[in-house]
Amino acid sequence: MINSQRKGIRGEAEVVDILRAHGFDARRNGCYEAKDITLIIDGEPLDIEVKRGQVSCNELYELLKVNDEVWHRRNGQIWMVTRLARNDLALRLLAKGELRPEPADVKAIREAIKQAGGWSQWKP
């Protein structure tokens, strides 16, 4: 196994540990899966890509076409999370209490995104 693969596996394990430490149901999917991590919220999966090292904007756009979030960090830096604006809006509505699923679930988030309207121009 080459160093970059080991670095990626360590990064994925680190993100899973962070999510689990905060009470989330998260699991690594393995080296041969298209999605690095699956996060389960109220029975619904969120797909997370993990990148260690420098990630270009173009690469982020490509990764977000097939993933809900990208967690990325350079060596010695803190983790950053990138998601599409329409997904972020739904999460902010949840945090403000304007979207009140019991408990917070992905179906409600996706419905809020649909209801937001006008986001279609942001699609890749």
PDB file of N, CA and C in Angstrom:
ATOM      1  N   MET A   1       0.855  -1.177   0.000  1.00  0.00           N
ATOM      2  CA  MET A   1       0.000   0.000   0.000  1.00  0.00           C
ATOM      3  C   MET A   1       0.900   1.240   0.000  1.00  0.00           C
ATOM      4  N   ILE A   2       0.613   2.185  -0.870  1.00  0.00           N
ATOM      5  CA  ILE A   2       1.448   3.374  -0.939  1.00  0.00           C
ATOM      6  C   ILE A   2       1.065   4.373   0.149  1.00  0.00           C
ATOM      7  N   ASN A   3       1.978   5.309   0.434  1.00  0.00           N
ATOM      8  CA  ASN A   3       1.785   6.252   1.528  1.00  0.00           C
ATOM      9  C   ASN A   3       0.494   7.060   1.412  1.00  0.00           C
ATOM     10  N   SER A   4       0.124   7.483   0.195  1.00  0.00           N
ATOM     11  CA  SER A   4      -1.082   8.301   0.037  1.00  0.00           C
ATOM     12  C   SER A   4      -2.337   7.507   0.422  1.00  0.00           C
ATOM     13  N   GLN A   5      -2.344   6.202   0.139  1.00  0.00           N
ATOM     14  CA  GLN A   5      -3.494   5.384   0.536  1.00  0.00           C
ATOM     15  C   GLN A   5      -3.572   5.270   2.052  1.00  0.00           C
ATOM     16  N   ARG A   6      -2.423   5.064   2.699  1.00  0.00           N
ATOM     17  CA  ARG A   6      -2.413   4.985   4.164  1.00  0.00           C
ATOM     18  C   ARG A   6      -2.862   6.303   4.780  1.00  0.00           C
ATOM     19  N   LYS A   7      -2.396   7.411   4.190  1.00  0.00           N
ATOM     20  CA  LYS A   7      -2.787   8.737   4.676  1.00  0.00           C
ATOM     21  C   LYS A   7      -4.299   8.922   4.548  1.00  0.00           C
ATOM     22  N   GLY A   8      -4.868   8.472   3.438  1.00  0.00           N
ATOM     23  CA  GLY A   8      -6.314   8.573   3.230  1.00  0.00           C
ATOM     24  C   GLY A   8      -7.087   7.731   4.226  1.00  0.00           C
ATOM     25  N   ILE A   9      -6.623   6.527   4.480  1.00  0.00           N
ATOM     26  CA  ILE A   9      -7.284   5.648   5.445  1.00  0.00           C
ATOM     27  C   ILE A   9      -7.229   6.255   6.838  1.00  0.00           C
ATOM     28  N   ARG A  10      -6.074   6.821   7.214  1.00  0.00           N
ATOM     29  CA  ARG A  10      -5.963   7.475   8.529  1.00  0.00           C
ATOM     30  C   ARG A  10      -6.911   8.668   8.616  1.00  0.00           C
ATOM     31  N   GLY A  11      -7.012   9.446   7.533  1.00  0.00           N
ATOM     32  CA  GLY A  11      -7.925  10.592   7.510  1.00  0.00           C
ATOM     33  C   GLY A  11      -9.370  10.164   7.663  1.00  0.00           C
ATOM     34  N   GLU A  12      -9.770   9.107   6.959  1.00  0.00           N
ATOM     35  CA  GLU A  12     -11.140   8.598   7.065  1.00  0.00           C
ATOM     36  C   GLU A  12     -11.433   8.126   8.487  1.00  0.00           C
ATOM     37  N   ALA A  13     -10.491   7.403   9.084  1.00  0.00           N
ATOM     38  CA  ALA A  13     -10.672   6.921  10.458  1.00  0.00           C
ATOM     39  C   ALA A  13     -10.779   8.087  11.432  1.00  0.00           C
ATOM     40  N   GLU A  14      -9.985   9.129  11.200  1.00  0.00           N
ATOM     41  CA  GLU A  14     -10.025  10.315  12.056  1.00  0.00           C
ATOM     42  C   GLU A  14     -11.390  11.007  11.986  1.00  0.00           C
ATOM     43  N   VAL A  15     -11.941  11.144  10.785  1.00  0.00           N
ATOM     44  CA  VAL A  15     -13.251  11.786  10.622  1.00  0.00           C
ATOM     45  C   VAL A  15     -14.346  10.936  11.271  1.00  0.00           C
ATOM     46  N   VAL A  16     -14.293   9.622  11.091  1.00  0.00           N
ATOM     47  CA  VAL A  16     -15.273   8.741  11.734  1.00  0.00           C
ATOM     48  C   VAL A  16     -15.188   8.898  13.251  1.00  0.00           C
ATOM     49  N   ASP A  17     -13.973   8.944  13.788  1.00  0.00           N
ATOM     50  CA  ASP A  17     -13.806   9.122  15.237  1.00  0.00           C
ATOM     51  C   ASP A  17     -14.401  10.447  15.714  1.00  0.00           C
ATOM     52  N   ILE A  18     -14.203  11.520  14.950  1.00  0.00           N
ATOM     53  CA  ILE A  18     -14.761  12.835  15.306  1.00  0.00           C
ATOM     54  C   ILE A  18     -16.285  12.769  15.332  1.00  0.00           C
ATOM     55  N   LEU A  19     -16.868  12.193  14.283  1.00  0.00           N
ATOM     56  CA  LEU A  19     -18.328  12.105  14.190  1.00  0.00           C
ATOM     57  C   LEU A  19     -18.902  11.245  15.309  1.00  0.00           C
ATOM     58  N   ARG A  20     -18.276  10.109  15.575  1.00  0.00           N
ATOM     59  CA  ARG A  20     -18.759   9.226  16.638  1.00  0.00           C
ATOM     60  C   ARG A  20     -18.623   9.884  18.012  1.00  0.00           C
ATOM     61  N   ALA A  21     -17.540  10.630  18.218  1.00  0.00           N
ATOM     62  CA  ALA A  21     -17.340  11.315  19.501  1.00  0.00           C
ATOM     63  C   ALA A  21     -18.451  12.324  19.771  1.00  0.00           C
ATOM     64  N   HIS A  22     -19.099  12.801  18.697  1.00  0.00           N
ATOM     65  CA  HIS A  22     -20.204  13.747  18.841  1.00  0.00           C
ATOM     66  C   HIS A  22     -21.564  13.056  18.732  1.00  0.00           C
ATOM     67  N   GLY A  23     -21.573  11.725  18.822  1.00  0.00           N
ATOM     68  CA  GLY A  23     -22.824  10.986  18.889  1.00  0.00           C
ATOM     69  C   GLY A  23     -23.443  10.589  17.564  1.00  0.00           C
ATOM     70  N   PHE A  24     -22.717  10.741  16.466  1.00  0.00           N
ATOM     71  CA  PHE A  24     -23.258  10.384  15.155  1.00  0.00           C
ATOM     72  C   PHE A  24     -22.932   8.937  14.805  1.00  0.00           C
ATOM     73  N   ASP A  25     -23.811   8.318  14.044  1.00  0.00           N
ATOM     74  CA  ASP A  25     -23.600   6.967  13.536  1.00  0.00           C
ATOM     75  C   ASP A  25     -22.863   7.086  12.208  1.00  0.00           C
ATOM     76  N   ALA A  26     -21.570   6.837  12.223  1.00  0.00           N
ATOM     77  CA  ALA A  26     -20.748   6.977  11.017  1.00  0.00           C
ATOM     78  C   ALA A  26     -19.909   5.724  10.835  1.00  0.00           C
ATOM     79  N   ARG A  27     -19.669   5.346   9.563  1.00  0.00           N
ATOM     80  CA  ARG A  27     -18.812   4.196   9.298  1.00  0.00           C
ATOM     81  C   ARG A  27     -18.004   4.421   8.032  1.00  0.00           C
ATOM     82  N   ARG A  28     -16.798   3.875   8.064  1.00  0.00           N
ATOM     83  CA  ARG A  28     -15.940   3.868   6.875  1.00  0.00           C
ATOM     84  C   ARG A  28     -16.451   2.809   5.932  1.00  0.00           C
ATOM     85  N   ASN A  29     -16.427   3.099   4.647  1.00  0.00           N
ATOM     86  CA  ASN A  29     -16.921   2.153   3.661  1.00  0.00           C
ATOM     87  C   ASN A  29     -15.849   1.269   3.065  1.00  0.00           C
ATOM     88  N   GLY A  30     -14.587   1.577   3.300  1.00  0.00           N
ATOM     89  CA  GLY A  30     -13.512   0.749   2.758  1.00  0.00           C
ATOM     90  C   GLY A  30     -12.908   1.351   1.519  1.00  0.00           C
ATOM     91  N   CYS A  31     -11.770   0.822   1.164  1.00  0.00           N
ATOM     92  CA  CYS A  31     -10.957   1.376   0.066  1.00  0.00           C
ATOM     93  C   CYS A  31     -11.620   1.279  -1.302  1.00  0.00           C
ATOM     94  N   TYR A  32     -12.488   0.322  -1.486  1.00  0.00           N
ATOM     95  CA  TYR A  32     -13.009   0.082  -2.823  1.00  0.00           C
ATOM     96  C   TYR A  32     -14.421   0.605  -3.036  1.00  0.00           C
ATOM     97  N   GLU A  33     -14.921   1.350  -2.084  1.00  0.00           N
ATOM     98  CA  GLU A  33     -16.245   1.969  -2.194  1.00  0.00           C
ATOM     99  C   GLU A  33     -16.101   3.361  -2.792  1.00  0.00           C
ATOM    100  N   ALA A  34     -17.122   3.813  -3.503  1.00  0.00           N
ATOM    101  CA  ALA A  34     -17.091   5.158  -4.088  1.00  0.00           C
ATOM    102  C   ALA A  34     -17.193   6.230  -3.010  1.00  0.00           C
ATOM    103  N   LYS A  35     -17.897   5.942  -1.935  1.00  0.00           N
ATOM    104  CA  LYS A  35     -18.090   6.905  -0.845  1.00  0.00           C
ATOM    105  C   LYS A  35     -17.185   6.497   0.307  1.00  0.00           C
ATOM    106  N   ASP A  36     -16.383   7.435   0.833  1.00  0.00           N
ATOM    107  CA  ASP A  36     -15.451   7.108   1.908  1.00  0.00           C
ATOM    108  C   ASP A  36     -16.168   6.783   3.213  1.00  0.00           C
ATOM    109  N   ILE A  37     -17.137   7.637   3.581  1.00  0.00           N
ATOM    110  CA  ILE A  37     -17.834   7.495   4.860  1.00  0.00           C
ATOM    111  C   ILE A  37     -19.327   7.671   4.626  1.00  0.00           C
ATOM    112  N   THR A  38     -20.110   6.873   5.336  1.00  0.00           N
ATOM    113  CA  THR A  38     -21.551   7.068   5.343  1.00  0.00           C
ATOM    114  C   THR A  38     -21.948   7.483   6.745  1.00  0.00           C
ATOM    115  N   LEU A  39     -22.637   8.604   6.836  1.00  0.00           N
ATOM    116  CA  LEU A  39     -23.158   9.126   8.097  1.00  0.00           C
ATOM    117  C   LEU A  39     -24.659   8.889   8.066  1.00  0.00           C
ATOM    118  N   ILE A  40     -25.185   8.218   9.086  1.00  0.00           N
ATOM    119  CA  ILE A  40     -26.614   7.911   9.138  1.00  0.00           C
ATOM    120  C   ILE A  40     -27.293   8.872  10.101  1.00  0.00           C
ATOM    121  N   ILE A  41     -28.283   9.623   9.582  1.00  0.00           N
ATOM    122  CA  ILE A  41     -29.073  10.522  10.412  1.00  0.00           C
ATOM    123  C   ILE A  41     -30.530  10.114  10.251  1.00  0.00           C
ATOM    124  N   ASP A  42     -31.105   9.635  11.337  1.00  0.00           N
ATOM    125  CA  ASP A  42     -32.497   9.188  11.340  1.00  0.00           C
ATOM    126  C   ASP A  42     -32.762   8.183  10.227  1.00  0.00           C
ATOM    127  N   GLY A  43     -31.850   7.249  10.050  1.00  0.00           N
ATOM    128  CA  GLY A  43     -32.009   6.190   9.065  1.00  0.00           C
ATOM    129  C   GLY A  43     -31.658   6.556   7.643  1.00  0.00           C
ATOM    130  N   GLU A  44     -31.334   7.813   7.386  1.00  0.00           N
ATOM    131  CA  GLU A  44     -30.998   8.266   6.035  1.00  0.00           C
ATOM    132  C   GLU A  44     -29.492   8.471   5.903  1.00  0.00           C
ATOM    133  N   PRO A  45     -28.894   7.996   4.794  1.00  0.00           N
ATOM    134  CA  PRO A  45     -27.445   8.132   4.628  1.00  0.00           C
ATOM    135  C   PRO A  45     -27.029   9.494   4.061  1.00  0.00           C
ATOM    136  N   LEU A  46     -25.928  10.014   4.572  1.00  0.00           N
ATOM    137  CA  LEU A  46     -25.228  11.157   3.984  1.00  0.00           C
ATOM    138  C   LEU A  46     -23.859  10.654   3.567  1.00  0.00           C
ATOM    139  N   ASP A  47     -23.461  10.931   2.336  1.00  0.00           N
ATOM    140  CA  ASP A  47     -22.177  10.464   1.834  1.00  0.00           C
ATOM    141  C   ASP A  47     -21.113  11.528   2.030  1.00  0.00           C
ATOM    142  N   ILE A  48     -19.975  11.103   2.609  1.00  0.00           N
ATOM    143  CA  ILE A  48     -18.877  12.020   2.903  1.00  0.00           C
ATOM    144  C   ILE A  48     -17.613  11.534   2.219  1.00  0.00           C
ATOM    145  N   GLU A  49     -16.967  12.431   1.517  1.00  0.00           N
ATOM    146  CA  GLU A  49     -15.650  12.177   0.920  1.00  0.00           C
ATOM    147  C   GLU A  49     -14.612  12.811   1.834  1.00  0.00           C
ATOM    148  N   VAL A  50     -13.495  12.139   2.035  1.00  0.00           N
ATOM    149  CA  VAL A  50     -12.424  12.643   2.886  1.00  0.00           C
ATOM    150  C   VAL A  50     -11.169  12.814   2.046  1.00  0.00           C
ATOM    151  N   LYS A  51     -10.548  13.980   2.147  1.00  0.00           N
ATOM    152  CA  LYS A  51      -9.316  14.264   1.418  1.00  0.00           C
ATOM    153  C   LYS A  51      -8.272  14.816   2.375  1.00  0.00           C
ATOM    154  N   ARG A  52      -7.101  14.223   2.363  1.00  0.00           N
ATOM    155  CA  ARG A  52      -5.959  14.744   3.117  1.00  0.00           C
ATOM    156  C   ARG A  52      -5.012  15.374   2.114  1.00  0.00           C
ATOM    157  N   GLY A  53      -4.591  16.577   2.382  1.00  0.00           N
ATOM    158  CA  GLY A  53      -3.718  17.285   1.449  1.00  0.00           C
ATOM    159  C   GLY A  53      -4.480  18.393   0.749  1.00  0.00           C
ATOM    160  N   GLN A  54      -3.824  19.045  -0.156  1.00  0.00           N
ATOM    161  CA  GLN A  54      -4.419  20.183  -0.851  1.00  0.00           C
ATOM    162  C   GLN A  54      -5.496  19.714  -1.819  1.00  0.00           C
ATOM    163  N   VAL A  55      -6.633  20.413  -1.811  1.00  0.00           N
ATOM    164  CA  VAL A  55      -7.746  20.100  -2.708  1.00  0.00           C
ATOM    165  C   VAL A  55      -8.092  21.363  -3.484  1.00  0.00           C
ATOM    166  N   SER A  56      -8.147  21.248  -4.806  1.00  0.00           N
ATOM    167  CA  SER A  56      -8.483  22.412  -5.625  1.00  0.00           C
ATOM    168  C   SER A  56      -9.979  22.653  -5.632  1.00  0.00           C
ATOM    169  N   CYS A  57     -10.376  23.860  -5.991  1.00  0.00           N
ATOM    170  CA  CYS A  57     -11.803  24.183  -6.107  1.00  0.00           C
ATOM    171  C   CYS A  57     -12.474  23.287  -7.142  1.00  0.00           C
ATOM    172  N   ASN A  58     -11.808  23.057  -8.254  1.00  0.00           N
ATOM    173  CA  ASN A  58     -12.384  22.194  -9.286  1.00  0.00           C
ATOM    174  C   ASN A  58     -12.615  20.787  -8.760  1.00  0.00           C
ATOM    175  N   GLU A  59     -11.669  20.281  -7.971  1.00  0.00           N
ATOM    176  CA  GLU A  59     -11.825  18.950  -7.398  1.00  0.00           C
ATOM    177  C   GLU A  59     -13.001  18.914  -6.419  1.00  0.00           C
ATOM    178  N   LEU A  60     -13.171  19.973  -5.619  1.00  0.00           N
ATOM    179  CA  LEU A  60     -14.304  20.037  -4.697  1.00  0.00           C
ATOM    180  C   LEU A  60     -15.629  19.989  -5.450  1.00  0.00           C
ATOM    181  N   TYR A  61     -15.735  20.756  -6.539  1.00  0.00           N
ATOM    182  CA  TYR A  61     -16.968  20.741  -7.334  1.00  0.00           C
ATOM    183  C   TYR A  61     -17.264  19.331  -7.854  1.00  0.00           C
ATOM    184  N   GLU A  62     -16.240  18.654  -8.342  1.00  0.00           N
ATOM    185  CA  GLU A  62     -16.435  17.303  -8.858  1.00  0.00           C
ATOM    186  C   GLU A  62     -16.851  16.345  -7.748  1.00  0.00           C
ATOM    187  N   LEU A  63     -16.220  16.439  -6.590  1.00  0.00           N
ATOM    188  CA  LEU A  63     -16.548  15.560  -5.467  1.00  0.00           C
ATOM    189  C   LEU A  63     -17.960  15.801  -4.955  1.00  0.00           C
ATOM    190  N   LEU A  64     -18.419  17.054  -4.981  1.00  0.00           N
ATOM    191  CA  LEU A  64     -19.756  17.382  -4.491  1.00  0.00           C
ATOM    192  C   LEU A  64     -20.866  16.971  -5.457  1.00  0.00           C
ATOM    193  N   LYS A  65     -20.507  16.580  -6.655  1.00  0.00           N
ATOM    194  CA  LYS A  65     -21.514  16.056  -7.583  1.00  0.00           C
ATOM    195  C   LYS A  65     -22.026  14.698  -7.116  1.00  0.00           C
ATOM    196  N   VAL A  66     -21.206  13.962  -6.354  1.00  0.00           N
ATOM    197  CA  VAL A  66     -21.588  12.605  -5.941  1.00  0.00           C
ATOM    198  C   VAL A  66     -21.547  12.404  -4.425  1.00  0.00           C
ATOM    199  N   ASN A  67     -21.192  13.436  -3.663  1.00  0.00           N
ATOM    200  CA  ASN A  67     -21.128  13.355  -2.211  1.00  0.00           C
ATOM    201  C   ASN A  67     -21.904  14.515  -1.604  1.00  0.00           C
ATOM    202  N   ASP A  68     -22.408  14.312  -0.375  1.00  0.00           N
ATOM    203  CA  ASP A  68     -23.126  15.383   0.316  1.00  0.00           C
ATOM    204  C   ASP A  68     -22.171  16.388   0.940  1.00  0.00           C
ATOM    205  N   GLU A  69     -20.995  15.913   1.377  1.00  0.00           N
ATOM    206  CA  GLU A  69     -19.995  16.780   2.002  1.00  0.00           C
ATOM    207  C   GLU A  69     -18.604  16.281   1.648  1.00  0.00           C
ATOM    208  N   VAL A  70     -17.644  17.195   1.700  1.00  0.00           N
ATOM    209  CA  VAL A  70     -16.228  16.829   1.582  1.00  0.00           C
ATOM    210  C   VAL A  70     -15.518  17.366   2.811  1.00  0.00           C
ATOM    211  N   TRP A  71     -14.899  16.473   3.577  1.00  0.00           N
ATOM    212  CA  TRP A  71     -14.068  16.856   4.710  1.00  0.00           C
ATOM    213  C   TRP A  71     -12.636  16.841   4.197  1.00  0.00           C
ATOM    214  N   HIS A  72     -11.901  17.952   4.405  1.00  0.00           N
ATOM    215  CA  HIS A  72     -10.541  18.009   3.879  1.00  0.00           C
ATOM    216  C   HIS A  72      -9.642  18.806   4.802  1.00  0.00           C
ATOM    217  N   ARG A  73      -8.364  18.447   4.796  1.00  0.00           N
ATOM    218  CA  ARG A  73      -7.388  19.200   5.566  1.00  0.00           C
ATOM    219  C   ARG A  73      -5.996  18.940   5.032  1.00  0.00           C
ATOM    220  N   ARG A  74      -5.173  19.954   5.136  1.00  0.00           N
ATOM    221  CA  ARG A  74      -3.752  19.829   4.833  1.00  0.00           C
ATOM    222  C   ARG A  74      -3.047  19.296   6.074  1.00  0.00           C
ATOM    223  N   ASN A  75      -1.845  18.800   5.893  1.00  0.00           N
ATOM    224  CA  ASN A  75      -1.059  18.309   7.025  1.00  0.00           C
ATOM    225  C   ASN A  75      -0.872  19.402   8.062  1.00  0.00           C
ATOM    226  N   GLY A  76      -1.133  19.070   9.319  1.00  0.00           N
ATOM    227  CA  GLY A  76      -0.927  20.007  10.410  1.00  0.00           C
ATOM    228  C   GLY A  76      -1.994  21.078  10.550  1.00  0.00           C
ATOM    229  N   GLN A  77      -3.054  21.007   9.760  1.00  0.00           N
ATOM    230  CA  GLN A  77      -4.127  22.001   9.798  1.00  0.00           C
ATOM    231  C   GLN A  77      -5.400  21.372  10.378  1.00  0.00           C
ATOM    232  N   ILE A  78      -6.414  22.211  10.603  1.00  0.00           N
ATOM    233  CA  ILE A  78      -7.686  21.708  11.119  1.00  0.00           C
ATOM    234  C   ILE A  78      -8.551  21.206   9.956  1.00  0.00           C
ATOM    235  N   TRP A  79      -9.539  20.377  10.288  1.00  0.00           N
ATOM    236  CA  TRP A  79     -10.460  19.870   9.275  1.00  0.00           C
ATOM    237  C   TRP A  79     -11.379  20.986   8.803  1.00  0.00           C
ATOM    238  N   MET A  80     -11.669  20.978   7.499  1.00  0.00           N
ATOM    239  CA  MET A  80     -12.650  21.878   6.893  1.00  0.00           C
ATOM    240  C   MET A  80     -13.726  21.010   6.252  1.00  0.00           C
ATOM    241  N   VAL A  81     -14.954  21.510   6.249  1.00  0.00           N
ATOM    242  CA  VAL A  81     -16.061  20.787   5.620  1.00  0.00           C
ATOM    243  C   VAL A  81     -16.641  21.677   4.537  1.00  0.00           C
ATOM    244  N   THR A  82     -16.787  21.115   3.349  1.00  0.00           N
ATOM    245  CA  THR A  82     -17.378  21.839   2.230  1.00  0.00           C
ATOM    246  C   THR A  82     -18.638  21.110   1.802  1.00  0.00           C
ATOM    247  N   ARG A  83     -19.724  21.881   1.641  1.00  0.00           N
ATOM    248  CA  ARG A  83     -20.980  21.323   1.139  1.00  0.00           C
ATOM    249  C   ARG A  83     -21.598  22.363   0.204  1.00  0.00           C
ATOM    250  N   LEU A  84     -22.558  21.934  -0.588  1.00  0.00           N
ATOM    251  CA  LEU A  84     -23.246  22.862  -1.476  1.00  0.00           C
ATOM    252  C   LEU A  84     -24.067  23.856  -0.660  1.00  0.00           C
ATOM    253  N   ALA A  85     -24.225  25.053  -1.171  1.00  0.00           N
ATOM    254  CA  ALA A  85     -24.959  26.099  -0.453  1.00  0.00           C
ATOM    255  C   ALA A  85     -26.388  25.670  -0.145  1.00  0.00           C
ATOM    256  N   ARG A  86     -27.043  24.999  -1.069  1.00  0.00           N
ATOM    257  CA  ARG A  86     -28.433  24.594  -0.819  1.00  0.00           C
ATOM    258  C   ARG A  86     -28.519  23.614   0.345  1.00  0.00           C
ATOM    259  N   ASN A  87     -27.518  22.747   0.525  1.00  0.00           N
ATOM    260  CA  ASN A  87     -27.503  21.835   1.668  1.00  0.00           C
ATOM    261  C   ASN A  87     -27.211  22.598   2.952  1.00  0.00           C
ATOM    262  N   ASP A  88     -26.321  23.571   2.874  1.00  0.00           N
ATOM    263  CA  ASP A  88     -25.964  24.366   4.044  1.00  0.00           C
ATOM    264  C   ASP A  88     -27.165  25.187   4.516  1.00  0.00           C
ATOM    265  N   LEU A  89     -27.941  25.732   3.592  1.00  0.00           N
ATOM    266  CA  LEU A  89     -29.123  26.514   3.957  1.00  0.00           C
ATOM    267  C   LEU A  89     -30.079  25.675   4.798  1.00  0.00           C
ATOM    268  N   ALA A  90     -30.322  24.445   4.374  1.00  0.00           N
ATOM    269  CA  ALA A  90     -31.235  23.585   5.127  1.00  0.00           C
ATOM    270  C   ALA A  90     -30.708  23.330   6.534  1.00  0.00           C
ATOM    271  N   LEU A  91     -29.402  23.110   6.671  1.00  0.00           N
ATOM    272  CA  LEU A  91     -28.817  22.891   7.994  1.00  0.00           C
ATOM    273  C   LEU A  91     -28.929  24.138   8.862  1.00  0.00           C
ATOM    274  N   ARG A  92     -28.771  25.325   8.269  1.00  0.00           N
ATOM    275  CA  ARG A  92     -28.904  26.575   9.028  1.00  0.00           C
ATOM    276  C   ARG A  92     -30.351  26.783   9.484  1.00  0.00           C
ATOM    277  N   LEU A  93     -31.317  26.418   8.637  1.00  0.00           N
ATOM    278  CA  LEU A  93     -32.717  26.513   9.033  1.00  0.00           C
ATOM    279  C   LEU A  93     -33.005  25.589  10.210  1.00  0.00           C
ATOM    280  N   LEU A  94     -32.416  24.408  10.187  1.00  0.00           N
ATOM    281  CA  LEU A  94     -32.559  23.496  11.323  1.00  0.00           C
ATOM    282  C   LEU A  94     -32.004  24.129  12.590  1.00  0.00           C
ATOM    283  N   ALA A  95     -30.813  24.712  12.497  1.00  0.00           N
ATOM    284  CA  ALA A  95     -30.152  25.305  13.663  1.00  0.00           C
ATOM    285  C   ALA A  95     -30.961  26.483  14.217  1.00  0.00           C
ATOM    286  N   LYS A  96     -31.614  27.256  13.345  1.00  0.00           N
ATOM    287  CA  LYS A  96     -32.413  28.405  13.792  1.00  0.00           C
ATOM    288  C   LYS A  96     -33.769  27.981  14.332  1.00  0.00           C
ATOM    289  N   GLY A  97     -34.115  26.731  14.157  1.00  0.00           N
ATOM    290  CA  GLY A  97     -35.404  26.259  14.625  1.00  0.00           C
ATOM    291  C   GLY A  97     -36.538  26.528  13.659  1.00  0.00           C
ATOM    292  N   GLU A  98     -36.224  26.993  12.455  1.00  0.00           N
ATOM    293  CA  GLU A  98     -37.260  27.266  11.463  1.00  0.00           C
ATOM    294  C   GLU A  98     -37.664  26.011  10.706  1.00  0.00           C
ATOM    295  N   LEU A  99     -36.880  24.985  10.853  1.00  0.00           N
ATOM    296  CA  LEU A  99     -37.193  23.682  10.291  1.00  0.00           C
ATOM    297  C   LEU A  99     -37.136  22.742  11.485  1.00  0.00           C
ATOM    298  N   ARG A 100     -38.257  22.108  11.827  1.00  0.00           N
ATOM    299  CA  ARG A 100     -38.335  21.380  13.091  1.00  0.00           C
ATOM    300  C   ARG A 100     -38.668  19.904  12.913  1.00  0.00           C
ATOM    301  N   PRO A 101     -37.781  19.141  12.268  1.00  0.00           N
ATOM    302  CA  PRO A 101     -38.030  17.705  12.235  1.00  0.00           C
ATOM    303  C   PRO A 101     -37.783  17.106  13.615  1.00  0.00           C
ATOM    304  N   GLU A 102     -38.493  16.081  13.958  1.00  0.00           N
ATOM    305  CA  GLU A 102     -38.349  15.428  15.271  1.00  0.00           C
ATOM    306  C   GLU A 102     -37.989  13.979  15.075  1.00  0.00           C
ATOM    307  N   PRO A 103     -36.768  13.544  15.255  1.00  0.00           N
ATOM    308  CA  PRO A 103     -35.549  14.329  15.356  1.00  0.00           C
ATOM    309  C   PRO A 103     -35.130  14.842  13.970  1.00  0.00           C
ATOM    310  N   ALA A 104     -34.102  15.668  13.924  1.00  0.00           N
ATOM    311  CA  ALA A 104     -33.633  16.222  12.652  1.00  0.00           C
ATOM    312  C   ALA A 104     -33.328  15.077  11.700  1.00  0.00           C
ATOM    313  N   ASP A 105     -33.960  15.087  10.541  1.00  0.00           N
ATOM    314  CA  ASP A 105     -33.712  13.998   9.604  1.00  0.00           C
ATOM    315  C   ASP A 105     -33.432  14.526   8.211  1.00  0.00           C
ATOM    316  N   VAL A 106     -32.776  13.706   7.457  1.00  0.00           N
ATOM    317  CA  VAL A 106     -32.342  14.090   6.116  1.00  0.00           C
ATOM    318  C   VAL A 106     -33.532  14.310   5.191  1.00  0.00           C
ATOM    319  N   LYS A 107     -34.617  13.562   5.384  1.00  0.00           N
ATOM    320  CA  LYS A 107     -35.795  13.766   4.527  1.00  0.00           C
ATOM    321  C   LYS A 107     -36.311  15.197   4.651  1.00  0.00           C
ATOM    322  N   ALA A 108     -36.353  15.717   5.867  1.00  0.00           N
ATOM    323  CA  ALA A 108     -36.812  17.088   6.072  1.00  0.00           C
ATOM    324  C   ALA A 108     -35.844  18.089   5.454  1.00  0.00           C
ATOM    325  N   ILE A 109     -34.562  17.802   5.562  1.00  0.00           N
ATOM    326  CA  ILE A 109     -33.558  18.686   4.966  1.00  0.00           C
ATOM    327  C   ILE A 109     -33.737  18.723   3.454  1.00  0.00           C
ATOM    328  N   ARG A 110     -33.891  17.564   2.851  1.00  0.00           N
ATOM    329  CA  ARG A 110     -34.055  17.511   1.393  1.00  0.00           C
ATOM    330  C   ARG A 110     -35.339  18.221   0.962  1.00  0.00           C
ATOM    331  N   GLU A 111     -36.406  18.090   1.742  1.00  0.00           N
ATOM    332  CA  GLU A 111     -37.658  18.775   1.436  1.00  0.00           C
ATOM    333  C   GLU A 111     -37.485  20.291   1.527  1.00  0.00           C
ATOM    334  N   ALA A 112     -36.745  20.747   2.546  1.00  0.00           N
ATOM    335  CA  ALA A 112     -36.491  22.183   2.692  1.00  0.00           C
ATOM    336  C   ALA A 112     -35.695  22.718   1.511  1.00  0.00           C
ATOM    337  N   ILE A 113     -34.772  21.936   1.022  1.00  0.00           N
ATOM    338  CA  ILE A 113     -33.977  22.340  -0.145  1.00  0.00           C
ATOM    339  C   ILE A 113     -34.898  22.494  -1.356  1.00  0.00           C
ATOM    340  N   LYS A 114     -35.814  21.541  -1.538  1.00  0.00           N
ATOM    341  CA  LYS A 114     -36.752  21.629  -2.662  1.00  0.00           C
ATOM    342  C   LYS A 114     -37.630  22.864  -2.539  1.00  0.00           C
ATOM    343  N   GLN A 115     -38.101  23.158  -1.312  1.00  0.00           N
ATOM    344  CA  GLN A 115     -38.992  24.288  -1.082  1.00  0.00           C
ATOM    345  C   GLN A 115     -38.280  25.630  -1.200  1.00  0.00           C
ATOM    346  N   ALA A 116     -36.955  25.633  -1.019  1.00  0.00           N
ATOM    347  CA  ALA A 116     -36.194  26.886  -1.069  1.00  0.00           C
ATOM    348  C   ALA A 116     -36.317  27.550  -2.433  1.00  0.00           C
ATOM    349  N   GLY A 117     -36.436  26.746  -3.503  1.00  0.00           N
ATOM    350  CA  GLY A 117     -36.598  27.292  -4.843  1.00  0.00           C
ATOM    351  C   GLY A 117     -35.481  28.263  -5.209  1.00  0.00           C
ATOM    352  N   GLY A 118     -35.220  28.413  -6.467  1.00  0.00           N
ATOM    353  CA  GLY A 118     -34.197  29.339  -6.907  1.00  0.00           C
ATOM    354  C   GLY A 118     -32.783  28.819  -6.760  1.00  0.00           C
ATOM    355  N   TRP A 119     -32.628  27.638  -6.191  1.00  0.00           N
ATOM    356  CA  TRP A 119     -31.278  27.088  -6.023  1.00  0.00           C
ATOM    357  C   TRP A 119     -30.818  26.341  -7.264  1.00  0.00           C
ATOM    358  N   SER A 120     -31.724  26.112  -8.187  1.00  0.00           N
ATOM    359  CA  SER A 120     -31.363  25.303  -9.356  1.00  0.00           C
ATOM    360  C   SER A 120     -30.253  25.948 -10.173  1.00  0.00           C
ATOM    361  N   GLN A 121     -30.137  27.272 -10.148  1.00  0.00           N
ATOM    362  CA  GLN A 121     -29.078  27.903 -10.922  1.00  0.00           C
ATOM    363  C   GLN A 121     -27.698  27.597 -10.340  1.00  0.00           C
ATOM    364  N   TRP A 122     -27.641  27.062  -9.120  1.00  0.00           N
ATOM    365  CA  TRP A 122     -26.354  26.734  -8.499  1.00  0.00           C
ATOM    366  C   TRP A 122     -25.920  25.320  -8.801  1.00  0.00           C
ATOM    367  N   LYS A 123     -26.799  24.542  -9.439  1.00  0.00           N
ATOM    368  CA  LYS A 123     -26.430  23.159  -9.748  1.00  0.00           C
ATOM    369  C   LYS A 123     -25.308  23.142 -10.779  1.00  0.00           C
ATOM    370  N   PRO A 124     -24.389  22.189 -10.611  1.00  0.00           N
ATOM    371  CA  PRO A 124     -23.288  22.084 -11.596  1.00  0.00           C
ATOM    372  C   PRO A 124     -23.790  21.711 -12.963  1.00  0.00           C
TER     373      PRO A 124
END
